[in-house]
Amino acid sequence: EATASVDTATESAIHDALHAVMKGRTTFIVAQRLSSIQRADRII
């Protein structure tokens, strides 16, 4: 829930930055907001 406490605009900017950060890393995204998992390769 790493972006649960930020506004929508900031969340979008963080996700854009994280997209580059996540490259080459195994990433687990625990979230309730579907906007937080848009860049996930797989959802469980």
PDB file of all heavy atoms in Angstrom:
ATOM      1  N   GLU A   1       0.847  -1.202   0.000  1.00  0.00           N
ATOM      2  CA  GLU A   1       0.000   0.000   0.000  1.00  0.00           C
ATOM      3  C   GLU A   1       0.881   1.249   0.000  1.00  0.00           C
ATOM      4  O   GLU A   1       0.637   2.208   0.733  1.00  0.00           O
ATOM      5  CB  GLU A   1      -0.922   0.004   1.231  1.00  0.00           C
ATOM      6  CG  GLU A   1      -1.864  -1.179   1.321  1.00  0.00           C
ATOM      7  CD  GLU A   1      -3.059  -1.056   0.389  1.00  0.00           C
ATOM      8  OE1 GLU A   1      -3.125  -0.061  -0.349  1.00  0.00           O
ATOM      9  OE2 GLU A   1      -3.914  -1.950   0.403  1.00  0.00           O
ATOM     10  N   ALA A   2       1.933   1.241  -0.836  1.00  0.00           N
ATOM     11  CA  ALA A   2       2.952   2.286  -0.791  1.00  0.00           C
ATOM     12  C   ALA A   2       2.455   3.652  -1.221  1.00  0.00           C
ATOM     13  O   ALA A   2       3.092   4.664  -0.930  1.00  0.00           O
ATOM     14  CB  ALA A   2       4.142   1.876  -1.657  1.00  0.00           C
ATOM     15  N   THR A   3       1.340   3.710  -1.948  1.00  0.00           N
ATOM     16  CA  THR A   3       0.820   5.016  -2.381  1.00  0.00           C
ATOM     17  C   THR A   3      -0.574   5.266  -1.829  1.00  0.00           C
ATOM     18  O   THR A   3      -1.323   6.081  -2.357  1.00  0.00           O
ATOM     19  CB  THR A   3       0.784   5.086  -3.922  1.00  0.00           C
ATOM     20  OG1 THR A   3       0.007   3.990  -4.431  1.00  0.00           O
ATOM     21  CG2 THR A   3       2.183   5.012  -4.497  1.00  0.00           C
ATOM     22  N   ALA A   4      -0.902   4.595  -0.743  1.00  0.00           N
ATOM     23  CA  ALA A   4      -2.252   4.712  -0.196  1.00  0.00           C
ATOM     24  C   ALA A   4      -2.519   6.092   0.397  1.00  0.00           C
ATOM     25  O   ALA A   4      -3.668   6.534   0.464  1.00  0.00           O
ATOM     26  CB  ALA A   4      -2.474   3.642   0.873  1.00  0.00           C
ATOM     27  N   SER A   5      -1.446   6.788   0.833  1.00  0.00           N
ATOM     28  CA  SER A   5      -1.640   8.068   1.521  1.00  0.00           C
ATOM     29  C   SER A   5      -1.359   9.277   0.645  1.00  0.00           C
ATOM     30  O   SER A   5      -1.246  10.389   1.157  1.00  0.00           O
ATOM     31  CB  SER A   5      -0.740   8.124   2.769  1.00  0.00           C
ATOM     32  OG  SER A   5      -1.073   7.096   3.674  1.00  0.00           O
ATOM     33  N   VAL A   6      -1.214   9.075  -0.665  1.00  0.00           N
ATOM     34  CA  VAL A   6      -0.928  10.216  -1.537  1.00  0.00           C
ATOM     35  C   VAL A   6      -2.127  10.500  -2.436  1.00  0.00           C
ATOM     36  O   VAL A   6      -2.976   9.644  -2.653  1.00  0.00           O
ATOM     37  CB  VAL A   6       0.329   9.967  -2.401  1.00  0.00           C
ATOM     38  CG1 VAL A   6       1.540   9.736  -1.504  1.00  0.00           C
ATOM     39  CG2 VAL A   6       0.139   8.769  -3.330  1.00  0.00           C
ATOM     40  N   ASP A   7      -2.177  11.704  -2.955  1.00  0.00           N
ATOM     41  CA  ASP A   7      -3.284  12.066  -3.830  1.00  0.00           C
ATOM     42  C   ASP A   7      -3.112  11.407  -5.198  1.00  0.00           C
ATOM     43  O   ASP A   7      -2.047  10.872  -5.544  1.00  0.00           O
ATOM     44  CB  ASP A   7      -3.369  13.587  -3.976  1.00  0.00           C
ATOM     45  CG  ASP A   7      -2.065  14.181  -4.488  1.00  0.00           C
ATOM     46  OD1 ASP A   7      -1.802  14.046  -5.700  1.00  0.00           O
ATOM     47  OD2 ASP A   7      -1.305  14.739  -3.668  1.00  0.00           O
ATOM     48  N   THR A   8      -4.155  11.481  -6.005  1.00  0.00           N
ATOM     49  CA  THR A   8      -4.172  10.790  -7.295  1.00  0.00           C
ATOM     50  C   THR A   8      -3.079  11.281  -8.223  1.00  0.00           C
ATOM     51  O   THR A   8      -2.410  10.488  -8.906  1.00  0.00           O
ATOM     52  CB  THR A   8      -5.548  10.976  -7.962  1.00  0.00           C
ATOM     53  OG1 THR A   8      -6.560  10.538  -7.067  1.00  0.00           O
ATOM     54  CG2 THR A   8      -5.626  10.166  -9.240  1.00  0.00           C
ATOM     55  N   ALA A   9      -2.855  12.606  -8.271  1.00  0.00           N
ATOM     56  CA  ALA A   9      -1.837  13.156  -9.163  1.00  0.00           C
ATOM     57  C   ALA A   9      -0.445  12.683  -8.762  1.00  0.00           C
ATOM     58  O   ALA A   9       0.368  12.283  -9.613  1.00  0.00           O
ATOM     59  CB  ALA A   9      -1.909  14.680  -9.152  1.00  0.00           C
ATOM     60  N   THR A  10      -0.153  12.734  -7.459  1.00  0.00           N
ATOM     61  CA  THR A  10       1.154  12.285  -6.978  1.00  0.00           C
ATOM     62  C   THR A  10       1.322  10.790  -7.206  1.00  0.00           C
ATOM     63  O   THR A  10       2.399  10.324  -7.578  1.00  0.00           O
ATOM     64  CB  THR A  10       1.322  12.619  -5.482  1.00  0.00           C
ATOM     65  OG1 THR A  10       1.145  14.015  -5.286  1.00  0.00           O
ATOM     66  CG2 THR A  10       2.703  12.210  -4.987  1.00  0.00           C
ATOM     67  N   GLU A  11       0.232  10.038  -6.985  1.00  0.00           N
ATOM     68  CA  GLU A  11       0.284   8.590  -7.200  1.00  0.00           C
ATOM     69  C   GLU A  11       0.662   8.288  -8.658  1.00  0.00           C
ATOM     70  O   GLU A  11       1.497   7.419  -8.930  1.00  0.00           O
ATOM     71  CB  GLU A  11      -1.058   7.951  -6.858  1.00  0.00           C
ATOM     72  CG  GLU A  11      -1.066   6.433  -7.044  1.00  0.00           C
ATOM     73  CD  GLU A  11      -2.438   5.833  -6.811  1.00  0.00           C
ATOM     74  OE1 GLU A  11      -3.441   6.515  -7.083  1.00  0.00           O
ATOM     75  OE2 GLU A  11      -2.491   4.658  -6.383  1.00  0.00           O
ATOM     76  N   SER A  12       0.062   9.008  -9.584  1.00  0.00           N
ATOM     77  CA  SER A  12       0.354   8.793 -10.997  1.00  0.00           C
ATOM     78  C   SER A  12       1.813   9.093 -11.309  1.00  0.00           C
ATOM     79  O   SER A  12       2.481   8.343 -12.032  1.00  0.00           O
ATOM     80  CB  SER A  12      -0.559   9.676 -11.853  1.00  0.00           C
ATOM     81  OG  SER A  12      -0.267   9.517 -13.225  1.00  0.00           O
ATOM     82  N   ALA A  13       2.348  10.173 -10.707  1.00  0.00           N
ATOM     83  CA  ALA A  13       3.749  10.543 -10.938  1.00  0.00           C
ATOM     84  C   ALA A  13       4.687   9.499 -10.340  1.00  0.00           C
ATOM     85  O   ALA A  13       5.710   9.146 -10.935  1.00  0.00           O
ATOM     86  CB  ALA A  13       4.028  11.918 -10.332  1.00  0.00           C
ATOM     87  N   ILE A  14       4.342   8.991  -9.137  1.00  0.00           N
ATOM     88  CA  ILE A  14       5.162   7.961  -8.490  1.00  0.00           C
ATOM     89  C   ILE A  14       5.174   6.689  -9.326  1.00  0.00           C
ATOM     90  O   ILE A  14       6.214   6.059  -9.523  1.00  0.00           O
ATOM     91  CB  ILE A  14       4.655   7.682  -7.058  1.00  0.00           C
ATOM     92  CG1 ILE A  14       4.943   8.878  -6.146  1.00  0.00           C
ATOM     93  CG2 ILE A  14       5.320   6.430  -6.487  1.00  0.00           C
ATOM     94  CD1 ILE A  14       4.383   8.738  -4.745  1.00  0.00           C
ATOM     95  N   HIS A  15       4.002   6.321  -9.865  1.00  0.00           N
ATOM     96  CA  HIS A  15       3.927   5.113 -10.680  1.00  0.00           C
ATOM     97  C   HIS A  15       4.777   5.239 -11.941  1.00  0.00           C
ATOM     98  O   HIS A  15       5.429   4.272 -12.368  1.00  0.00           O
ATOM     99  CB  HIS A  15       2.475   4.817 -11.042  1.00  0.00           C
ATOM    100  CG  HIS A  15       1.686   4.281  -9.898  1.00  0.00           C
ATOM    101  ND1 HIS A  15       0.313   4.345  -9.831  1.00  0.00           N
ATOM    102  CD2 HIS A  15       2.076   3.689  -8.755  1.00  0.00           C
ATOM    103  CE1 HIS A  15      -0.107   3.804  -8.701  1.00  0.00           C
ATOM    104  NE2 HIS A  15       0.947   3.408  -8.025  1.00  0.00           N
ATOM    105  N   ASP A  16       4.785   6.434 -12.533  1.00  0.00           N
ATOM    106  CA  ASP A  16       5.616   6.643 -13.720  1.00  0.00           C
ATOM    107  C   ASP A  16       7.091   6.454 -13.372  1.00  0.00           C
ATOM    108  O   ASP A  16       7.853   5.835 -14.135  1.00  0.00           O
ATOM    109  CB  ASP A  16       5.384   8.042 -14.286  1.00  0.00           C
ATOM    110  CG  ASP A  16       3.997   8.183 -14.929  1.00  0.00           C
ATOM    111  OD1 ASP A  16       3.410   7.131 -15.278  1.00  0.00           O
ATOM    112  OD2 ASP A  16       3.515   9.320 -15.066  1.00  0.00           O
ATOM    113  N   ALA A  17       7.505   6.994 -12.190  1.00  0.00           N
ATOM    114  CA  ALA A  17       8.905   6.853 -11.757  1.00  0.00           C
ATOM    115  C   ALA A  17       9.205   5.405 -11.381  1.00  0.00           C
ATOM    116  O   ALA A  17      10.283   4.872 -11.691  1.00  0.00           O
ATOM    117  CB  ALA A  17       9.178   7.774 -10.569  1.00  0.00           C
ATOM    118  N   LEU A  18       8.250   4.747 -10.718  1.00  0.00           N
ATOM    119  CA  LEU A  18       8.459   3.365 -10.302  1.00  0.00           C
ATOM    120  C   LEU A  18       8.576   2.427 -11.492  1.00  0.00           C
ATOM    121  O   LEU A  18       9.221   1.377 -11.399  1.00  0.00           O
ATOM    122  CB  LEU A  18       7.305   2.905  -9.394  1.00  0.00           C
ATOM    123  CG  LEU A  18       7.369   3.348  -7.936  1.00  0.00           C
ATOM    124  CD1 LEU A  18       6.119   2.901  -7.193  1.00  0.00           C
ATOM    125  CD2 LEU A  18       8.610   2.791  -7.255  1.00  0.00           C
ATOM    126  N   HIS A  19       7.937   2.787 -12.582  1.00  0.00           N
ATOM    127  CA  HIS A  19       8.001   1.924 -13.763  1.00  0.00           C
ATOM    128  C   HIS A  19       9.458   1.709 -14.178  1.00  0.00           C
ATOM    129  O   HIS A  19       9.864   0.597 -14.541  1.00  0.00           O
ATOM    130  CB  HIS A  19       7.211   2.550 -14.916  1.00  0.00           C
ATOM    131  CG  HIS A  19       7.193   1.694 -16.151  1.00  0.00           C
ATOM    132  ND1 HIS A  19       6.644   0.435 -16.167  1.00  0.00           N
ATOM    133  CD2 HIS A  19       7.670   1.921 -17.408  1.00  0.00           C
ATOM    134  CE1 HIS A  19       6.781  -0.090 -17.377  1.00  0.00           C
ATOM    135  NE2 HIS A  19       7.398   0.793 -18.153  1.00  0.00           N
ATOM    136  N   ALA A  20      10.246   2.787 -14.085  1.00  0.00           N
ATOM    137  CA  ALA A  20      11.667   2.667 -14.412  1.00  0.00           C
ATOM    138  C   ALA A  20      12.417   1.936 -13.300  1.00  0.00           C
ATOM    139  O   ALA A  20      13.305   1.119 -13.558  1.00  0.00           O
ATOM    140  CB  ALA A  20      12.273   4.052 -14.638  1.00  0.00           C
ATOM    141  N   VAL A  21      12.051   2.216 -12.055  1.00  0.00           N
ATOM    142  CA  VAL A  21      12.721   1.592 -10.913  1.00  0.00           C
ATOM    143  C   VAL A  21      12.466   0.090 -10.877  1.00  0.00           C
ATOM    144  O   VAL A  21      13.341  -0.707 -10.530  1.00  0.00           O
ATOM    145  CB  VAL A  21      12.245   2.240  -9.588  1.00  0.00           C
ATOM    146  CG1 VAL A  21      12.797   1.484  -8.388  1.00  0.00           C
ATOM    147  CG2 VAL A  21      12.672   3.696  -9.536  1.00  0.00           C
ATOM    148  N   MET A  22      11.255  -0.325 -11.255  1.00  0.00           N
ATOM    149  CA  MET A  22      10.864  -1.727 -11.172  1.00  0.00           C
ATOM    150  C   MET A  22      11.504  -2.590 -12.254  1.00  0.00           C
ATOM    151  O   MET A  22      11.508  -3.820 -12.139  1.00  0.00           O
ATOM    152  CB  MET A  22       9.333  -1.841 -11.262  1.00  0.00           C
ATOM    153  CG  MET A  22       8.617  -1.330 -10.019  1.00  0.00           C
ATOM    154  SD  MET A  22       6.846  -1.000 -10.270  1.00  0.00           S
ATOM    155  CE  MET A  22       6.271  -2.568 -10.929  1.00  0.00           C
ATOM    156  N   LYS A  23      12.040  -1.989 -13.275  1.00  0.00           N
ATOM    157  CA  LYS A  23      12.634  -2.768 -14.364  1.00  0.00           C
ATOM    158  C   LYS A  23      13.798  -3.601 -13.845  1.00  0.00           C
ATOM    159  O   LYS A  23      14.715  -3.094 -13.210  1.00  0.00           O
ATOM    160  CB  LYS A  23      13.126  -1.836 -15.474  1.00  0.00           C
ATOM    161  CG  LYS A  23      12.004  -1.291 -16.343  1.00  0.00           C
ATOM    162  CD  LYS A  23      12.554  -0.438 -17.472  1.00  0.00           C
ATOM    163  CE  LYS A  23      11.426   0.070 -18.368  1.00  0.00           C
ATOM    164  NZ  LYS A  23      11.913   0.928 -19.468  1.00  0.00           N
ATOM    165  N   GLY A  24      13.760  -4.900 -14.111  1.00  0.00           N
ATOM    166  CA  GLY A  24      14.821  -5.796 -13.681  1.00  0.00           C
ATOM    167  C   GLY A  24      14.706  -6.236 -12.247  1.00  0.00           C
ATOM    168  O   GLY A  24      15.537  -6.993 -11.754  1.00  0.00           O
ATOM    169  N   ARG A  25      13.677  -5.767 -11.517  1.00  0.00           N
ATOM    170  CA  ARG A  25      13.477  -6.168 -10.123  1.00  0.00           C
ATOM    171  C   ARG A  25      12.201  -6.988  -9.995  1.00  0.00           C
ATOM    172  O   ARG A  25      11.197  -6.676 -10.630  1.00  0.00           O
ATOM    173  CB  ARG A  25      13.347  -4.949  -9.204  1.00  0.00           C
ATOM    174  CG  ARG A  25      14.461  -3.954  -9.286  1.00  0.00           C
ATOM    175  CD  ARG A  25      14.175  -2.795  -8.335  1.00  0.00           C
ATOM    176  NE  ARG A  25      14.926  -1.616  -8.711  1.00  0.00           N
ATOM    177  CZ  ARG A  25      16.187  -1.400  -8.372  1.00  0.00           C
ATOM    178  NH1 ARG A  25      16.818  -2.297  -7.630  1.00  0.00           N
ATOM    179  NH2 ARG A  25      16.827  -0.309  -8.769  1.00  0.00           N
ATOM    180  N   THR A  26      12.252  -7.975  -9.142  1.00  0.00           N
ATOM    181  CA  THR A  26      11.034  -8.694  -8.799  1.00  0.00           C
ATOM    182  C   THR A  26      10.264  -7.810  -7.831  1.00  0.00           C
ATOM    183  O   THR A  26      10.784  -7.416  -6.787  1.00  0.00           O
ATOM    184  CB  THR A  26      11.370 -10.038  -8.128  1.00  0.00           C
ATOM    185  OG1 THR A  26      12.185 -10.795  -9.017  1.00  0.00           O
ATOM    186  CG2 THR A  26      10.102 -10.809  -7.812  1.00  0.00           C
ATOM    187  N   THR A  27       9.032  -7.489  -8.184  1.00  0.00           N
ATOM    188  CA  THR A  27       8.258  -6.530  -7.393  1.00  0.00           C
ATOM    189  C   THR A  27       6.927  -7.133  -6.963  1.00  0.00           C
ATOM    190  O   THR A  27       6.211  -7.714  -7.785  1.00  0.00           O
ATOM    191  CB  THR A  27       7.993  -5.237  -8.186  1.00  0.00           C
ATOM    192  OG1 THR A  27       9.238  -4.729  -8.682  1.00  0.00           O
ATOM    193  CG2 THR A  27       7.322  -4.191  -7.319  1.00  0.00           C
ATOM    194  N   PHE A  28       6.646  -6.999  -5.663  1.00  0.00           N
ATOM    195  CA  PHE A  28       5.353  -7.388  -5.124  1.00  0.00           C
ATOM    196  C   PHE A  28       4.607  -6.107  -4.763  1.00  0.00           C
ATOM    197  O   PHE A  28       5.124  -5.275  -4.002  1.00  0.00           O
ATOM    198  CB  PHE A  28       5.508  -8.266  -3.887  1.00  0.00           C
ATOM    199  CG  PHE A  28       6.036  -9.645  -4.172  1.00  0.00           C
ATOM    200  CD1 PHE A  28       7.402  -9.863  -4.335  1.00  0.00           C
ATOM    201  CD2 PHE A  28       5.175 -10.721  -4.292  1.00  0.00           C
ATOM    202  CE1 PHE A  28       7.902 -11.127  -4.605  1.00  0.00           C
ATOM    203  CE2 PHE A  28       5.656 -12.000  -4.562  1.00  0.00           C
ATOM    204  CZ  PHE A  28       7.025 -12.198  -4.729  1.00  0.00           C
ATOM    205  N   ILE A  29       3.412  -5.954  -5.312  1.00  0.00           N
ATOM    206  CA  ILE A  29       2.615  -4.757  -5.050  1.00  0.00           C
ATOM    207  C   ILE A  29       1.352  -5.180  -4.309  1.00  0.00           C
ATOM    208  O   ILE A  29       0.453  -5.793  -4.889  1.00  0.00           O
ATOM    209  CB  ILE A  29       2.230  -4.039  -6.355  1.00  0.00           C
ATOM    210  CG1 ILE A  29       3.473  -3.765  -7.206  1.00  0.00           C
ATOM    211  CG2 ILE A  29       1.489  -2.742  -6.064  1.00  0.00           C
ATOM    212  CD1 ILE A  29       3.159  -3.290  -8.603  1.00  0.00           C
ATOM    213  N   VAL A  30       1.305  -4.869  -3.033  1.00  0.00           N
ATOM    214  CA  VAL A  30       0.113  -5.155  -2.234  1.00  0.00           C
ATOM    215  C   VAL A  30      -0.735  -3.896  -2.229  1.00  0.00           C
ATOM    216  O   VAL A  30      -0.272  -2.824  -1.843  1.00  0.00           O
ATOM    217  CB  VAL A  30       0.480  -5.552  -0.791  1.00  0.00           C
ATOM    218  CG1 VAL A  30      -0.775  -5.835   0.028  1.00  0.00           C
ATOM    219  CG2 VAL A  30       1.397  -6.771  -0.803  1.00  0.00           C
ATOM    220  N   ALA A  31      -1.967  -4.003  -2.700  1.00  0.00           N
ATOM    221  CA  ALA A  31      -2.780  -2.789  -2.842  1.00  0.00           C
ATOM    222  C   ALA A  31      -4.259  -3.125  -2.794  1.00  0.00           C
ATOM    223  O   ALA A  31      -4.677  -4.271  -2.980  1.00  0.00           O
ATOM    224  CB  ALA A  31      -2.445  -2.087  -4.151  1.00  0.00           C
ATOM    225  N   GLN A  32      -5.041  -2.091  -2.541  1.00  0.00           N
ATOM    226  CA  GLN A  32      -6.494  -2.177  -2.638  1.00  0.00           C
ATOM    227  C   GLN A  32      -6.987  -1.291  -3.775  1.00  0.00           C
ATOM    228  O   GLN A  32      -8.016  -1.566  -4.378  1.00  0.00           O
ATOM    229  CB  GLN A  32      -7.152  -1.729  -1.319  1.00  0.00           C
ATOM    230  CG  GLN A  32      -7.055  -2.747  -0.192  1.00  0.00           C
ATOM    231  CD  GLN A  32      -7.930  -3.973  -0.412  1.00  0.00           C
ATOM    232  OE1 GLN A  32      -8.668  -4.048  -1.383  1.00  0.00           O
ATOM    233  NE2 GLN A  32      -7.814  -4.946   0.485  1.00  0.00           N
ATOM    234  N   ARG A  33      -6.214  -0.220  -4.077  1.00  0.00           N
ATOM    235  CA  ARG A  33      -6.584   0.670  -5.181  1.00  0.00           C
ATOM    236  C   ARG A  33      -6.066   0.087  -6.489  1.00  0.00           C
ATOM    237  O   ARG A  33      -4.870  -0.169  -6.636  1.00  0.00           O
ATOM    238  CB  ARG A  33      -5.996   2.058  -4.935  1.00  0.00           C
ATOM    239  CG  ARG A  33      -6.796   2.834  -3.912  1.00  0.00           C
ATOM    240  CD  ARG A  33      -6.046   3.960  -3.250  1.00  0.00           C
ATOM    241  NE  ARG A  33      -5.378   4.893  -4.158  1.00  0.00           N
ATOM    242  CZ  ARG A  33      -4.865   6.058  -3.738  1.00  0.00           C
ATOM    243  NH1 ARG A  33      -4.985   6.410  -2.470  1.00  0.00           N
ATOM    244  NH2 ARG A  33      -4.254   6.859  -4.586  1.00  0.00           N
ATOM    245  N   LEU A  34      -6.953  -0.158  -7.412  1.00  0.00           N
ATOM    246  CA  LEU A  34      -6.562  -0.768  -8.681  1.00  0.00           C
ATOM    247  C   LEU A  34      -5.620   0.120  -9.475  1.00  0.00           C
ATOM    248  O   LEU A  34      -4.856  -0.363 -10.306  1.00  0.00           O
ATOM    249  CB  LEU A  34      -7.806  -1.091  -9.508  1.00  0.00           C
ATOM    250  CG  LEU A  34      -8.742  -2.130  -8.887  1.00  0.00           C
ATOM    251  CD1 LEU A  34      -9.927  -2.395  -9.800  1.00  0.00           C
ATOM    252  CD2 LEU A  34      -8.002  -3.428  -8.615  1.00  0.00           C
ATOM    253  N   SER A  35      -5.652   1.415  -9.197  1.00  0.00           N
ATOM    254  CA  SER A  35      -4.733   2.327  -9.896  1.00  0.00           C
ATOM    255  C   SER A  35      -3.281   2.021  -9.536  1.00  0.00           C
ATOM    256  O   SER A  35      -2.366   2.389 -10.275  1.00  0.00           O
ATOM    257  CB  SER A  35      -5.062   3.779  -9.536  1.00  0.00           C
ATOM    258  OG  SER A  35      -5.021   3.963  -8.132  1.00  0.00           O
ATOM    259  N   SER A  36      -3.080   1.352  -8.379  1.00  0.00           N
ATOM    260  CA  SER A  36      -1.724   1.048  -7.931  1.00  0.00           C
ATOM    261  C   SER A  36      -1.122  -0.157  -8.639  1.00  0.00           C
ATOM    262  O   SER A  36       0.079  -0.406  -8.527  1.00  0.00           O
ATOM    263  CB  SER A  36      -1.710   0.799  -6.415  1.00  0.00           C
ATOM    264  OG  SER A  36      -2.186   1.916  -5.714  1.00  0.00           O
ATOM    265  N   ILE A  37      -1.949  -0.939  -9.337  1.00  0.00           N
ATOM    266  CA  ILE A  37      -1.451  -2.198  -9.907  1.00  0.00           C
ATOM    267  C   ILE A  37      -1.509  -2.206 -11.431  1.00  0.00           C
ATOM    268  O   ILE A  37      -1.429  -3.266 -12.052  1.00  0.00           O
ATOM    269  CB  ILE A  37      -2.240  -3.396  -9.346  1.00  0.00           C
ATOM    270  CG1 ILE A  37      -3.713  -3.304  -9.759  1.00  0.00           C
ATOM    271  CG2 ILE A  37      -2.112  -3.452  -7.836  1.00  0.00           C
ATOM    272  CD1 ILE A  37      -4.503  -4.547  -9.400  1.00  0.00           C
ATOM    273  N   GLN A  38      -1.641  -1.050 -12.024  1.00  0.00           N
ATOM    274  CA  GLN A  38      -1.785  -0.981 -13.476  1.00  0.00           C
ATOM    275  C   GLN A  38      -0.575  -1.538 -14.214  1.00  0.00           C
ATOM    276  O   GLN A  38      -0.696  -2.074 -15.309  1.00  0.00           O
ATOM    277  CB  GLN A  38      -2.030   0.464 -13.913  1.00  0.00           C
ATOM    278  CG  GLN A  38      -3.377   1.016 -13.488  1.00  0.00           C
ATOM    279  CD  GLN A  38      -3.555   2.478 -13.868  1.00  0.00           C
ATOM    280  OE1 GLN A  38      -2.629   3.098 -14.360  1.00  0.00           O
ATOM    281  NE2 GLN A  38      -4.744   3.012 -13.646  1.00  0.00           N
ATOM    282  N   ARG A  39       0.613  -1.396 -13.602  1.00  0.00           N
ATOM    283  CA  ARG A  39       1.828  -1.835 -14.277  1.00  0.00           C
ATOM    284  C   ARG A  39       2.256  -3.236 -13.845  1.00  0.00           C
ATOM    285  O   ARG A  39       3.377  -3.658 -14.153  1.00  0.00           O
ATOM    286  CB  ARG A  39       2.954  -0.842 -14.024  1.00  0.00           C
ATOM    287  CG  ARG A  39       2.630   0.567 -14.522  1.00  0.00           C
ATOM    288  CD  ARG A  39       3.802   1.501 -14.369  1.00  0.00           C
ATOM    289  NE  ARG A  39       3.461   2.869 -14.741  1.00  0.00           N
ATOM    290  CZ  ARG A  39       3.423   3.335 -15.982  1.00  0.00           C
ATOM    291  NH1 ARG A  39       3.699   2.519 -16.992  1.00  0.00           N
ATOM    292  NH2 ARG A  39       3.116   4.586 -16.226  1.00  0.00           N
ATOM    293  N   ALA A  40       1.408  -3.963 -13.144  1.00  0.00           N
ATOM    294  CA  ALA A  40       1.733  -5.322 -12.731  1.00  0.00           C
ATOM    295  C   ALA A  40       1.648  -6.279 -13.906  1.00  0.00           C
ATOM    296  O   ALA A  40       0.751  -6.182 -14.743  1.00  0.00           O
ATOM    297  CB  ALA A  40       0.781  -5.771 -11.619  1.00  0.00           C
ATOM    298  N   ASP A  41       2.606  -7.196 -13.976  1.00  0.00           N
ATOM    299  CA  ASP A  41       2.578  -8.215 -15.034  1.00  0.00           C
ATOM    300  C   ASP A  41       1.516  -9.272 -14.757  1.00  0.00           C
ATOM    301  O   ASP A  41       0.960  -9.867 -15.681  1.00  0.00           O
ATOM    302  CB  ASP A  41       3.945  -8.896 -15.146  1.00  0.00           C
ATOM    303  CG  ASP A  41       5.045  -7.899 -15.496  1.00  0.00           C
ATOM    304  OD1 ASP A  41       4.825  -7.086 -16.405  1.00  0.00           O
ATOM    305  OD2 ASP A  41       6.108  -7.933 -14.847  1.00  0.00           O
ATOM    306  N   ARG A  42       1.290  -9.498 -13.461  1.00  0.00           N
ATOM    307  CA  ARG A  42       0.326 -10.524 -13.066  1.00  0.00           C
ATOM    308  C   ARG A  42      -0.348 -10.109 -11.776  1.00  0.00           C
ATOM    309  O   ARG A  42       0.256  -9.415 -10.937  1.00  0.00           O
ATOM    310  CB  ARG A  42       1.055 -11.863 -12.877  1.00  0.00           C
ATOM    311  CG  ARG A  42       0.145 -13.022 -12.493  1.00  0.00           C
ATOM    312  CD  ARG A  42       0.821 -14.386 -12.735  1.00  0.00           C
ATOM    313  NE  ARG A  42       2.211 -14.437 -12.378  1.00  0.00           N
ATOM    314  CZ  ARG A  42       2.736 -15.345 -11.524  1.00  0.00           C
ATOM    315  NH1 ARG A  42       1.938 -16.225 -10.921  1.00  0.00           N
ATOM    316  NH2 ARG A  42       4.028 -15.367 -11.284  1.00  0.00           N
ATOM    317  N   ILE A  43      -1.584 -10.517 -11.606  1.00  0.00           N
ATOM    318  CA  ILE A  43      -2.352 -10.203 -10.401  1.00  0.00           C
ATOM    319  C   ILE A  43      -2.767 -11.513  -9.757  1.00  0.00           C
ATOM    320  O   ILE A  43      -3.262 -12.424 -10.438  1.00  0.00           O
ATOM    321  CB  ILE A  43      -3.604  -9.374 -10.734  1.00  0.00           C
ATOM    322  CG1 ILE A  43      -3.214  -8.061 -11.430  1.00  0.00           C
ATOM    323  CG2 ILE A  43      -4.420  -9.091  -9.485  1.00  0.00           C
ATOM    324  CD1 ILE A  43      -4.385  -7.327 -12.049  1.00  0.00           C
ATOM    325  N   ILE A  44      -2.545 -11.622  -8.448  1.00  0.00           N
ATOM    326  CA  ILE A  44      -3.074 -12.768  -7.724  1.00  0.00           C
ATOM    327  C   ILE A  44      -4.055 -12.261  -6.680  1.00  0.00           C
ATOM    328  O   ILE A  44      -3.853 -11.203  -6.075  1.00  0.00           O
ATOM    329  CB  ILE A  44      -1.961 -13.612  -7.063  1.00  0.00           C
ATOM    330  CG1 ILE A  44      -1.273 -12.835  -5.941  1.00  0.00           C
ATOM    331  CG2 ILE A  44      -0.953 -14.096  -8.086  1.00  0.00           C
ATOM    332  CD1 ILE A  44      -0.374 -13.710  -5.097  1.00  0.00           C
TER     333      ILE A  44
END
